[in-house]
Amino acid sequence: MLFILIITGAVALAGHVILNARYVRAGAAGGWSSTFVLGVSKVSAALLMLAVWLVLLFQGRATFPTSWAFWGAFLVTVVLNIIFEIIRFRSYALAPIALTSPFGAISPVLTILPAWLFLRELPSFWGGLGIGLITVSIYALHTQSGWNIRNFFAPFRAVWKDRGTRYAFLSSLPPAITIVFDKKAVVASDPITFSLLAVAAIGITAWIVDFAYRGRERFFSSVRQCGWGRFLKIGFLYLVANLAFNMAFLFAIVPYVSALRRTVIIFEVLFAYFFLQEKTDIVKRAAVSIGVVLGTILIGLAR
């Protein structure tokens, strides 16, 4: 069940990322800001989640959380995710997905310490080996052609030269912490309730930031022009991805979920190749996929 949830979430989230990148780049010419696109994307997803939540609430399968355990974890993850998402969406307009996504591969390694500190969860030897293999494989996908040390560290050198890459690197750090509090909030409530409240809070806050920064007239002009139909589509993709990943917490410890979630990067690169015309090395992609599969098998054996 865990791997079905991960693959479903990865495919849906990759589609969500690619469509958001497309709208951010189109918005640069049409008068939308990246923060506005973030807001409408999350609010669209929250509206769909609200419909699902109300059905589950009527059936007695969802409740409104009242515990301090939930709200404490919720506050931490929402505040950090707002910062993370605003920076990440800005990177979409400044650099290709192939340059911005490799840094997401480092999150699983960074997650190990917070997961131990706050949840007392540690991977086994084989699980840790699987996490490392997935991390290195996905990171290698984005290095320059030629397997040598200089090319391997090329993305980090780009951090100091390219603003979009710098934003992508900064946005890769908060998820290493937020995923721990995501699980604490899910355990204290349920996946759909946490998803609804967190996504709505991020979307509304992004709109408030955009309204304050660009002013009332430009903000409402963007609202009229954005076309809600297209954003409901990406909202649906985020609904699927968010629920799948949050449900995965019920089947595995946080470091494993964090590593397995990085499989989304393979689908991001694949979709960017077909839909955004971003070129990539097919041989390298095949080699990376093998590494990710082997890492996934090791995590599966460790569970």
C-alpha atoms as a PDB file:
ATOM      1  CA  MET A   1       0.000   0.000   0.000  1.00  0.00           C
ATOM      2  CA  LEU A   2       2.852   2.387   0.844  1.00  0.00           C
ATOM      3  CA  PHE A   3       4.383   2.184  -2.628  1.00  0.00           C
ATOM      4  CA  ILE A   4       0.999   2.623  -4.352  1.00  0.00           C
ATOM      5  CA  LEU A   5       0.462   5.812  -2.328  1.00  0.00           C
ATOM      6  CA  ILE A   6       3.976   7.081  -3.097  1.00  0.00           C
ATOM      7  CA  ILE A   7       3.786   6.496  -6.865  1.00  0.00           C
ATOM      8  CA  THR A   8       0.272   7.975  -7.053  1.00  0.00           C
ATOM      9  CA  GLY A   9       1.388  11.018  -5.096  1.00  0.00           C
ATOM     10  CA  ALA A  10       4.605  11.409  -7.099  1.00  0.00           C
ATOM     11  CA  VAL A  11       2.870  11.372 -10.490  1.00  0.00           C
ATOM     12  CA  ALA A  12       0.157  13.776  -9.307  1.00  0.00           C
ATOM     13  CA  LEU A  13       2.629  16.160  -7.660  1.00  0.00           C
ATOM     14  CA  ALA A  14       4.908  16.165 -10.714  1.00  0.00           C
ATOM     15  CA  GLY A  15       1.950  17.168 -12.890  1.00  0.00           C
ATOM     16  CA  HIS A  16       1.048  19.833 -10.343  1.00  0.00           C
ATOM     17  CA  VAL A  17       4.605  21.243 -10.360  1.00  0.00           C
ATOM     18  CA  ILE A  18       4.873  21.323 -14.159  1.00  0.00           C
ATOM     19  CA  LEU A  19       1.519  23.074 -14.598  1.00  0.00           C
ATOM     20  CA  ASN A  20       2.378  25.597 -11.896  1.00  0.00           C
ATOM     21  CA  ALA A  21       5.743  26.285 -13.562  1.00  0.00           C
ATOM     22  CA  ARG A  22       3.954  26.830 -16.870  1.00  0.00           C
ATOM     23  CA  TYR A  23       1.460  29.269 -15.310  1.00  0.00           C
ATOM     24  CA  VAL A  24       4.170  31.141 -13.408  1.00  0.00           C
ATOM     25  CA  ARG A  25       6.116  31.631 -16.647  1.00  0.00           C
ATOM     26  CA  ALA A  26       2.986  32.627 -18.554  1.00  0.00           C
ATOM     27  CA  GLY A  27       2.024  34.942 -15.703  1.00  0.00           C
ATOM     28  CA  ALA A  28       5.315  36.797 -15.974  1.00  0.00           C
ATOM     29  CA  ALA A  29       4.054  38.078 -19.335  1.00  0.00           C
ATOM     30  CA  GLY A  30       0.382  38.296 -18.375  1.00  0.00           C
ATOM     31  CA  GLY A  31       0.682  40.257 -15.153  1.00  0.00           C
ATOM     32  CA  TRP A  32       0.409  37.451 -12.576  1.00  0.00           C
ATOM     33  CA  SER A  33       3.031  37.100  -9.884  1.00  0.00           C
ATOM     34  CA  SER A  34       4.450  33.764  -8.758  1.00  0.00           C
ATOM     35  CA  THR A  35       2.949  34.361  -5.305  1.00  0.00           C
ATOM     36  CA  PHE A  36      -0.488  34.899  -6.837  1.00  0.00           C
ATOM     37  CA  VAL A  37      -0.174  31.613  -8.759  1.00  0.00           C
ATOM     38  CA  LEU A  38       0.819  29.902  -5.496  1.00  0.00           C
ATOM     39  CA  GLY A  39      -2.270  31.319  -3.793  1.00  0.00           C
ATOM     40  CA  VAL A  40      -4.782  30.388  -6.475  1.00  0.00           C
ATOM     41  CA  SER A  41      -3.219  26.930  -6.847  1.00  0.00           C
ATOM     42  CA  LYS A  42      -3.543  26.153  -3.130  1.00  0.00           C
ATOM     43  CA  VAL A  43      -6.970  27.765  -2.704  1.00  0.00           C
ATOM     44  CA  SER A  44      -8.276  25.705  -5.642  1.00  0.00           C
ATOM     45  CA  ALA A  45      -6.956  22.545  -3.998  1.00  0.00           C
ATOM     46  CA  ALA A  46      -8.435  23.588  -0.648  1.00  0.00           C
ATOM     47  CA  LEU A  47     -11.898  24.062  -2.188  1.00  0.00           C
ATOM     48  CA  LEU A  48     -11.799  20.521  -3.566  1.00  0.00           C
ATOM     49  CA  MET A  49     -10.487  19.201  -0.254  1.00  0.00           C
ATOM     50  CA  LEU A  50     -13.313  20.985   1.559  1.00  0.00           C
ATOM     51  CA  ALA A  51     -15.886  19.092  -0.507  1.00  0.00           C
ATOM     52  CA  VAL A  52     -14.212  15.764   0.356  1.00  0.00           C
ATOM     53  CA  TRP A  53     -13.852  16.740   4.018  1.00  0.00           C
ATOM     54  CA  LEU A  54     -17.532  17.677   4.362  1.00  0.00           C
ATOM     55  CA  VAL A  55     -18.570  14.287   2.963  1.00  0.00           C
ATOM     56  CA  LEU A  56     -16.258  12.484   5.406  1.00  0.00           C
ATOM     57  CA  LEU A  57     -17.421  14.708   8.265  1.00  0.00           C
ATOM     58  CA  PHE A  58     -21.049  13.800   7.522  1.00  0.00           C
ATOM     59  CA  GLN A  59     -20.037  10.120   7.577  1.00  0.00           C
ATOM     60  CA  GLY A  60     -18.233  10.555  10.890  1.00  0.00           C
ATOM     61  CA  ARG A  61     -14.828   9.745   9.374  1.00  0.00           C
ATOM     62  CA  ALA A  62     -13.324  13.225   9.825  1.00  0.00           C
ATOM     63  CA  THR A  63     -13.371  15.638  12.757  1.00  0.00           C
ATOM     64  CA  PHE A  64     -12.214  19.160  13.509  1.00  0.00           C
ATOM     65  CA  PRO A  65      -9.032  18.920  15.616  1.00  0.00           C
ATOM     66  CA  THR A  66      -8.930  20.524  19.065  1.00  0.00           C
ATOM     67  CA  SER A  67      -5.721  19.101  20.577  1.00  0.00           C
ATOM     68  CA  TRP A  68      -2.616  21.173  21.261  1.00  0.00           C
ATOM     69  CA  ALA A  69      -0.567  18.384  19.668  1.00  0.00           C
ATOM     70  CA  PHE A  70      -2.249  19.087  16.332  1.00  0.00           C
ATOM     71  CA  TRP A  71      -2.257  22.876  16.438  1.00  0.00           C
ATOM     72  CA  GLY A  72       1.350  23.128  17.617  1.00  0.00           C
ATOM     73  CA  ALA A  73       2.579  20.910  14.772  1.00  0.00           C
ATOM     74  CA  PHE A  74       0.210  22.637  12.341  1.00  0.00           C
ATOM     75  CA  LEU A  75       1.558  26.104  13.177  1.00  0.00           C
ATOM     76  CA  VAL A  76       5.196  25.075  12.696  1.00  0.00           C
ATOM     77  CA  THR A  77       4.643  23.313   9.375  1.00  0.00           C
ATOM     78  CA  VAL A  78       2.401  26.028   7.909  1.00  0.00           C
ATOM     79  CA  VAL A  79       4.763  28.900   8.763  1.00  0.00           C
ATOM     80  CA  LEU A  80       7.780  27.075   7.307  1.00  0.00           C
ATOM     81  CA  ASN A  81       5.842  25.856   4.266  1.00  0.00           C
ATOM     82  CA  ILE A  82       4.641  29.363   3.438  1.00  0.00           C
ATOM     83  CA  ILE A  83       8.259  30.530   3.261  1.00  0.00           C
ATOM     84  CA  PHE A  84       9.294  27.403   1.336  1.00  0.00           C
ATOM     85  CA  GLU A  85       6.473  27.650  -1.207  1.00  0.00           C
ATOM     86  CA  ILE A  86       6.880  31.370  -1.928  1.00  0.00           C
ATOM     87  CA  ILE A  87      10.601  30.902  -2.616  1.00  0.00           C
ATOM     88  CA  ARG A  88      10.019  27.737  -4.661  1.00  0.00           C
ATOM     89  CA  PHE A  89       7.390  29.355  -6.893  1.00  0.00           C
ATOM     90  CA  ARG A  90       9.708  32.290  -7.562  1.00  0.00           C
ATOM     91  CA  SER A  91      12.354  29.857  -8.771  1.00  0.00           C
ATOM     92  CA  TYR A  92       9.968  28.549 -11.466  1.00  0.00           C
ATOM     93  CA  ALA A  93      10.131  31.845 -13.352  1.00  0.00           C
ATOM     94  CA  LEU A  94      13.904  32.129 -13.141  1.00  0.00           C
ATOM     95  CA  ALA A  95      15.335  28.692 -13.946  1.00  0.00           C
ATOM     96  CA  PRO A  96      14.383  25.413 -15.643  1.00  0.00           C
ATOM     97  CA  ILE A  97      13.012  22.532 -13.579  1.00  0.00           C
ATOM     98  CA  ALA A  98      16.198  20.593 -14.401  1.00  0.00           C
ATOM     99  CA  LEU A  99      18.195  23.163 -12.408  1.00  0.00           C
ATOM    100  CA  THR A 100      15.754  23.780  -9.557  1.00  0.00           C
ATOM    101  CA  SER A 101      14.701  20.259  -8.570  1.00  0.00           C
ATOM    102  CA  PRO A 102      18.019  18.495  -7.713  1.00  0.00           C
ATOM    103  CA  PHE A 103      18.198  20.141  -4.311  1.00  0.00           C
ATOM    104  CA  GLY A 104      15.012  18.351  -3.283  1.00  0.00           C
ATOM    105  CA  ALA A 105      17.110  15.192  -3.233  1.00  0.00           C
ATOM    106  CA  ILE A 106      18.988  16.325  -0.115  1.00  0.00           C
ATOM    107  CA  SER A 107      15.849  16.570   2.058  1.00  0.00           C
ATOM    108  CA  PRO A 108      15.679  12.846   2.994  1.00  0.00           C
ATOM    109  CA  VAL A 109      19.176  12.959   4.497  1.00  0.00           C
ATOM    110  CA  LEU A 110      18.458  16.199   6.371  1.00  0.00           C
ATOM    111  CA  THR A 111      15.183  14.724   7.669  1.00  0.00           C
ATOM    112  CA  ILE A 112      16.888  11.942   9.634  1.00  0.00           C
ATOM    113  CA  LEU A 113      17.967  14.200  12.534  1.00  0.00           C
ATOM    114  CA  PRO A 114      14.610  16.036  13.016  1.00  0.00           C
ATOM    115  CA  ALA A 115      12.752  12.712  12.759  1.00  0.00           C
ATOM    116  CA  TRP A 116      14.892  11.296  15.562  1.00  0.00           C
ATOM    117  CA  LEU A 117      14.651  14.431  17.731  1.00  0.00           C
ATOM    118  CA  PHE A 118      10.883  14.905  17.489  1.00  0.00           C
ATOM    119  CA  LEU A 119       9.530  11.428  16.688  1.00  0.00           C
ATOM    120  CA  ARG A 120      12.308   9.086  17.814  1.00  0.00           C
ATOM    121  CA  GLU A 121      12.260   7.496  14.365  1.00  0.00           C
ATOM    122  CA  LEU A 122      15.495   6.184  12.860  1.00  0.00           C
ATOM    123  CA  PRO A 123      16.021   4.162   9.686  1.00  0.00           C
ATOM    124  CA  SER A 124      17.699   0.766   9.887  1.00  0.00           C
ATOM    125  CA  PHE A 125      21.047   0.141   8.186  1.00  0.00           C
ATOM    126  CA  TRP A 126      19.384  -1.100   4.979  1.00  0.00           C
ATOM    127  CA  GLY A 127      16.797   1.668   5.131  1.00  0.00           C
ATOM    128  CA  GLY A 128      19.544   4.263   5.513  1.00  0.00           C
ATOM    129  CA  LEU A 129      21.382   2.721   2.574  1.00  0.00           C
ATOM    130  CA  GLY A 130      18.193   2.958   0.509  1.00  0.00           C
ATOM    131  CA  ILE A 131      17.743   6.619   1.476  1.00  0.00           C
ATOM    132  CA  GLY A 132      21.331   7.360   0.481  1.00  0.00           C
ATOM    133  CA  LEU A 133      20.985   5.544  -2.844  1.00  0.00           C
ATOM    134  CA  ILE A 134      17.790   7.422  -3.740  1.00  0.00           C
ATOM    135  CA  THR A 135      19.357  10.749  -2.724  1.00  0.00           C
ATOM    136  CA  VAL A 136      22.555  10.283  -4.756  1.00  0.00           C
ATOM    137  CA  SER A 137      20.695   8.842  -7.763  1.00  0.00           C
ATOM    138  CA  ILE A 138      18.195  11.681  -8.018  1.00  0.00           C
ATOM    139  CA  TYR A 139      20.842  14.327  -7.422  1.00  0.00           C
ATOM    140  CA  ALA A 140      23.025  12.786 -10.148  1.00  0.00           C
ATOM    141  CA  LEU A 141      20.133  13.165 -12.584  1.00  0.00           C
ATOM    142  CA  HIS A 142      20.724  16.914 -12.602  1.00  0.00           C
ATOM    143  CA  THR A 143      24.491  17.044 -12.851  1.00  0.00           C
ATOM    144  CA  GLN A 144      26.234  17.972 -16.075  1.00  0.00           C
ATOM    145  CA  SER A 145      27.295  15.362 -18.623  1.00  0.00           C
ATOM    146  CA  GLY A 146      30.340  13.369 -17.618  1.00  0.00           C
ATOM    147  CA  TRP A 147      30.776  11.507 -14.351  1.00  0.00           C
ATOM    148  CA  ASN A 148      33.384  13.427 -12.369  1.00  0.00           C
ATOM    149  CA  ILE A 149      33.604  15.388  -9.110  1.00  0.00           C
ATOM    150  CA  ARG A 150      33.471  18.806 -10.786  1.00  0.00           C
ATOM    151  CA  ASN A 151      30.253  18.020 -12.635  1.00  0.00           C
ATOM    152  CA  PHE A 152      28.752  16.317  -9.582  1.00  0.00           C
ATOM    153  CA  PHE A 153      28.950  19.554  -7.584  1.00  0.00           C
ATOM    154  CA  ALA A 154      27.932  21.791 -10.500  1.00  0.00           C
ATOM    155  CA  PRO A 155      24.402  22.456  -9.135  1.00  0.00           C
ATOM    156  CA  PHE A 156      25.866  23.819  -5.892  1.00  0.00           C
ATOM    157  CA  ARG A 157      28.261  26.065  -7.812  1.00  0.00           C
ATOM    158  CA  ALA A 158      25.243  27.387  -9.700  1.00  0.00           C
ATOM    159  CA  VAL A 159      23.729  28.515  -6.377  1.00  0.00           C
ATOM    160  CA  TRP A 160      26.198  31.406  -6.274  1.00  0.00           C
ATOM    161  CA  LYS A 161      25.710  32.367  -9.922  1.00  0.00           C
ATOM    162  CA  ASP A 162      22.000  31.968 -10.652  1.00  0.00           C
ATOM    163  CA  ARG A 163      19.172  33.517  -8.609  1.00  0.00           C
ATOM    164  CA  GLY A 164      16.624  30.874  -9.628  1.00  0.00           C
ATOM    165  CA  THR A 165      18.951  28.075  -8.528  1.00  0.00           C
ATOM    166  CA  ARG A 166      19.646  29.942  -5.292  1.00  0.00           C
ATOM    167  CA  TYR A 167      15.904  30.153  -4.565  1.00  0.00           C
ATOM    168  CA  ALA A 168      15.552  26.443  -5.320  1.00  0.00           C
ATOM    169  CA  PHE A 169      18.355  25.580  -2.887  1.00  0.00           C
ATOM    170  CA  LEU A 170      16.849  27.700  -0.108  1.00  0.00           C
ATOM    171  CA  SER A 171      13.412  26.176  -0.680  1.00  0.00           C
ATOM    172  CA  SER A 172      14.845  22.655  -0.290  1.00  0.00           C
ATOM    173  CA  LEU A 173      15.782  23.160   3.372  1.00  0.00           C
ATOM    174  CA  PRO A 174      12.418  23.710   5.192  1.00  0.00           C
ATOM    175  CA  PRO A 175      10.800  20.432   3.973  1.00  0.00           C
ATOM    176  CA  ALA A 176      13.419  18.465   5.919  1.00  0.00           C
ATOM    177  CA  ILE A 177      11.801  19.846   9.084  1.00  0.00           C
ATOM    178  CA  THR A 178       8.191  20.360   8.014  1.00  0.00           C
ATOM    179  CA  ILE A 179       7.675  16.720   7.024  1.00  0.00           C
ATOM    180  CA  VAL A 180       8.237  15.732  10.674  1.00  0.00           C
ATOM    181  CA  PHE A 181       5.516  18.101  11.855  1.00  0.00           C
ATOM    182  CA  ASP A 182       3.300  17.016   8.968  1.00  0.00           C
ATOM    183  CA  LYS A 183       3.299  13.521  10.450  1.00  0.00           C
ATOM    184  CA  LYS A 184       2.680  14.794  13.996  1.00  0.00           C
ATOM    185  CA  ALA A 185      -0.355  16.733  12.740  1.00  0.00           C
ATOM    186  CA  VAL A 186      -1.672  13.788  10.697  1.00  0.00           C
ATOM    187  CA  VAL A 187      -1.358  11.417  13.664  1.00  0.00           C
ATOM    188  CA  ALA A 188      -3.154  13.947  15.897  1.00  0.00           C
ATOM    189  CA  SER A 189      -6.051  14.291  13.413  1.00  0.00           C
ATOM    190  CA  ASP A 190      -6.387  12.589  10.018  1.00  0.00           C
ATOM    191  CA  PRO A 191      -4.842  13.085   6.537  1.00  0.00           C
ATOM    192  CA  ILE A 192      -7.743  15.008   4.938  1.00  0.00           C
ATOM    193  CA  THR A 193      -8.308  17.396   7.863  1.00  0.00           C
ATOM    194  CA  PHE A 194      -4.647  18.337   8.079  1.00  0.00           C
ATOM    195  CA  SER A 195      -4.354  18.656   4.287  1.00  0.00           C
ATOM    196  CA  LEU A 196      -7.395  20.936   4.080  1.00  0.00           C
ATOM    197  CA  LEU A 197      -6.363  23.289   6.876  1.00  0.00           C
ATOM    198  CA  ALA A 198      -2.685  23.462   5.861  1.00  0.00           C
ATOM    199  CA  VAL A 199      -3.298  24.015   2.148  1.00  0.00           C
ATOM    200  CA  ALA A 200      -6.003  26.627   2.808  1.00  0.00           C
ATOM    201  CA  ALA A 201      -3.730  28.489   5.241  1.00  0.00           C
ATOM    202  CA  ILE A 202      -0.826  28.524   2.766  1.00  0.00           C
ATOM    203  CA  GLY A 203      -3.016  29.643  -0.146  1.00  0.00           C
ATOM    204  CA  ILE A 204      -4.786  32.426   1.747  1.00  0.00           C
ATOM    205  CA  THR A 205      -1.517  33.690   3.230  1.00  0.00           C
ATOM    206  CA  ALA A 206       0.083  33.747  -0.233  1.00  0.00           C
ATOM    207  CA  TRP A 207      -2.818  35.864  -1.479  1.00  0.00           C
ATOM    208  CA  ILE A 208      -2.482  38.235   1.475  1.00  0.00           C
ATOM    209  CA  VAL A 209       1.226  38.640   0.719  1.00  0.00           C
ATOM    210  CA  ASP A 210       0.495  39.240  -2.971  1.00  0.00           C
ATOM    211  CA  PHE A 211      -2.278  41.738  -2.151  1.00  0.00           C
ATOM    212  CA  ALA A 212       0.026  43.659   0.194  1.00  0.00           C
ATOM    213  CA  TYR A 213       2.942  43.647  -2.259  1.00  0.00           C
ATOM    214  CA  ARG A 214       1.170  44.428  -5.558  1.00  0.00           C
ATOM    215  CA  GLY A 215      -1.836  46.378  -4.343  1.00  0.00           C
ATOM    216  CA  ARG A 216      -5.596  45.927  -4.542  1.00  0.00           C
ATOM    217  CA  GLU A 217      -6.082  46.818  -8.210  1.00  0.00           C
ATOM    218  CA  ARG A 218      -3.411  44.498  -9.621  1.00  0.00           C
ATOM    219  CA  PHE A 219      -4.418  41.659  -7.299  1.00  0.00           C
ATOM    220  CA  PHE A 220      -8.093  41.687  -8.306  1.00  0.00           C
ATOM    221  CA  SER A 221      -7.132  42.113 -11.950  1.00  0.00           C
ATOM    222  CA  SER A 222      -5.204  38.845 -11.642  1.00  0.00           C
ATOM    223  CA  VAL A 223      -8.207  37.174  -9.974  1.00  0.00           C
ATOM    224  CA  ARG A 224     -10.434  38.145 -12.915  1.00  0.00           C
ATOM    225  CA  GLN A 225      -7.941  37.007 -15.553  1.00  0.00           C
ATOM    226  CA  CYS A 226      -6.542  33.790 -14.057  1.00  0.00           C
ATOM    227  CA  GLY A 227      -9.268  31.375 -15.235  1.00  0.00           C
ATOM    228  CA  TRP A 228     -10.372  29.182 -12.352  1.00  0.00           C
ATOM    229  CA  GLY A 229     -11.016  26.156 -14.569  1.00  0.00           C
ATOM    230  CA  ARG A 230      -7.323  25.575 -15.256  1.00  0.00           C
ATOM    231  CA  PHE A 231      -6.397  25.983 -11.598  1.00  0.00           C
ATOM    232  CA  LEU A 232      -9.061  23.544 -10.438  1.00  0.00           C
ATOM    233  CA  LYS A 233      -7.239  20.948 -12.543  1.00  0.00           C
ATOM    234  CA  ILE A 234      -3.939  21.522 -10.768  1.00  0.00           C
ATOM    235  CA  GLY A 235      -5.850  21.791  -7.502  1.00  0.00           C
ATOM    236  CA  PHE A 236      -7.173  18.278  -8.100  1.00  0.00           C
ATOM    237  CA  LEU A 237      -3.642  16.994  -8.749  1.00  0.00           C
ATOM    238  CA  TYR A 238      -2.471  18.545  -5.490  1.00  0.00           C
ATOM    239  CA  LEU A 239      -5.435  17.043  -3.651  1.00  0.00           C
ATOM    240  CA  VAL A 240      -4.432  13.565  -4.845  1.00  0.00           C
ATOM    241  CA  ALA A 241      -0.726  14.102  -4.100  1.00  0.00           C
ATOM    242  CA  ASN A 242      -1.255  15.615  -0.669  1.00  0.00           C
ATOM    243  CA  LEU A 243      -3.648  12.931   0.520  1.00  0.00           C
ATOM    244  CA  ALA A 244      -1.453  10.132  -0.847  1.00  0.00           C
ATOM    245  CA  PHE A 245       1.689  11.422   0.864  1.00  0.00           C
ATOM    246  CA  ASN A 246      -0.071  12.174   4.159  1.00  0.00           C
ATOM    247  CA  MET A 247      -1.626   8.699   4.200  1.00  0.00           C
ATOM    248  CA  ALA A 248       1.860   7.260   3.629  1.00  0.00           C
ATOM    249  CA  PHE A 249       2.810   8.465   7.130  1.00  0.00           C
ATOM    250  CA  LEU A 250       0.474   5.790   8.495  1.00  0.00           C
ATOM    251  CA  PHE A 251       2.565   3.040   6.856  1.00  0.00           C
ATOM    252  CA  ALA A 252       6.217   4.096   7.320  1.00  0.00           C
ATOM    253  CA  ILE A 253       8.536   6.271   9.391  1.00  0.00           C
ATOM    254  CA  VAL A 254       9.244   9.829   8.237  1.00  0.00           C
ATOM    255  CA  PRO A 255      12.783   9.275   6.799  1.00  0.00           C
ATOM    256  CA  TYR A 256      11.456   6.522   4.521  1.00  0.00           C
ATOM    257  CA  VAL A 257       8.469   8.587   3.360  1.00  0.00           C
ATOM    258  CA  SER A 258      10.747  11.582   2.748  1.00  0.00           C
ATOM    259  CA  ALA A 259      13.106   9.507   0.589  1.00  0.00           C
ATOM    260  CA  LEU A 260      10.344   7.788  -1.359  1.00  0.00           C
ATOM    261  CA  ARG A 261       8.639  11.128  -2.023  1.00  0.00           C
ATOM    262  CA  ARG A 262      11.744  12.245  -3.916  1.00  0.00           C
ATOM    263  CA  THR A 263      10.720   9.903  -6.732  1.00  0.00           C
ATOM    264  CA  VAL A 264       8.555  12.835  -7.795  1.00  0.00           C
ATOM    265  CA  ILE A 265      11.717  14.434  -9.224  1.00  0.00           C
ATOM    266  CA  ILE A 266      12.036  11.714 -11.861  1.00  0.00           C
ATOM    267  CA  PHE A 267       8.482  12.402 -13.025  1.00  0.00           C
ATOM    268  CA  GLU A 268       9.115  16.168 -12.907  1.00  0.00           C
ATOM    269  CA  VAL A 269      12.079  15.834 -15.264  1.00  0.00           C
ATOM    270  CA  LEU A 270      10.136  13.472 -17.519  1.00  0.00           C
ATOM    271  CA  PHE A 271       7.110  15.786 -17.709  1.00  0.00           C
ATOM    272  CA  ALA A 272       9.333  18.857 -18.162  1.00  0.00           C
ATOM    273  CA  TYR A 273      10.951  17.116 -21.137  1.00  0.00           C
ATOM    274  CA  PHE A 274       7.599  16.500 -22.848  1.00  0.00           C
ATOM    275  CA  PHE A 275       5.527  19.513 -21.778  1.00  0.00           C
ATOM    276  CA  LEU A 276       8.054  22.308 -21.171  1.00  0.00           C
ATOM    277  CA  GLN A 277      10.573  21.212 -23.827  1.00  0.00           C
ATOM    278  CA  GLU A 278      13.379  21.006 -21.255  1.00  0.00           C
ATOM    279  CA  LYS A 279      16.012  18.618 -22.609  1.00  0.00           C
ATOM    280  CA  THR A 280      17.621  15.877 -20.529  1.00  0.00           C
ATOM    281  CA  ASP A 281      19.961  12.907 -21.006  1.00  0.00           C
ATOM    282  CA  ILE A 282      17.877   9.748 -21.596  1.00  0.00           C
ATOM    283  CA  VAL A 283      20.777   7.410 -20.674  1.00  0.00           C
ATOM    284  CA  LYS A 284      21.393   9.212 -17.411  1.00  0.00           C
ATOM    285  CA  ARG A 285      17.656   9.195 -16.631  1.00  0.00           C
ATOM    286  CA  ALA A 286      17.562   5.406 -17.126  1.00  0.00           C
ATOM    287  CA  ALA A 287      20.578   4.909 -14.842  1.00  0.00           C
ATOM    288  CA  VAL A 288      19.052   7.134 -12.179  1.00  0.00           C
ATOM    289  CA  SER A 289      15.760   5.247 -12.355  1.00  0.00           C
ATOM    290  CA  ILE A 290      17.601   1.989 -11.653  1.00  0.00           C
ATOM    291  CA  GLY A 291      19.281   3.584  -8.629  1.00  0.00           C
ATOM    292  CA  VAL A 292      15.946   4.834  -7.302  1.00  0.00           C
ATOM    293  CA  VAL A 293      14.317   1.433  -7.793  1.00  0.00           C
ATOM    294  CA  LEU A 294      17.154  -0.278  -5.906  1.00  0.00           C
ATOM    295  CA  GLY A 295      16.904   2.286  -3.105  1.00  0.00           C
ATOM    296  CA  THR A 296      13.156   1.726  -2.923  1.00  0.00           C
ATOM    297  CA  ILE A 297      13.676  -2.043  -2.689  1.00  0.00           C
ATOM    298  CA  LEU A 298      16.116  -1.560   0.197  1.00  0.00           C
ATOM    299  CA  ILE A 299      13.597   0.615   2.051  1.00  0.00           C
ATOM    300  CA  GLY A 300      10.907  -1.982   1.396  1.00  0.00           C
ATOM    301  CA  LEU A 301      13.120  -4.716   2.865  1.00  0.00           C
ATOM    302  CA  ALA A 302      13.908  -2.525   5.882  1.00  0.00           C
ATOM    303  CA  ARG A 303      10.261  -1.943   6.824  1.00  0.00           C
END
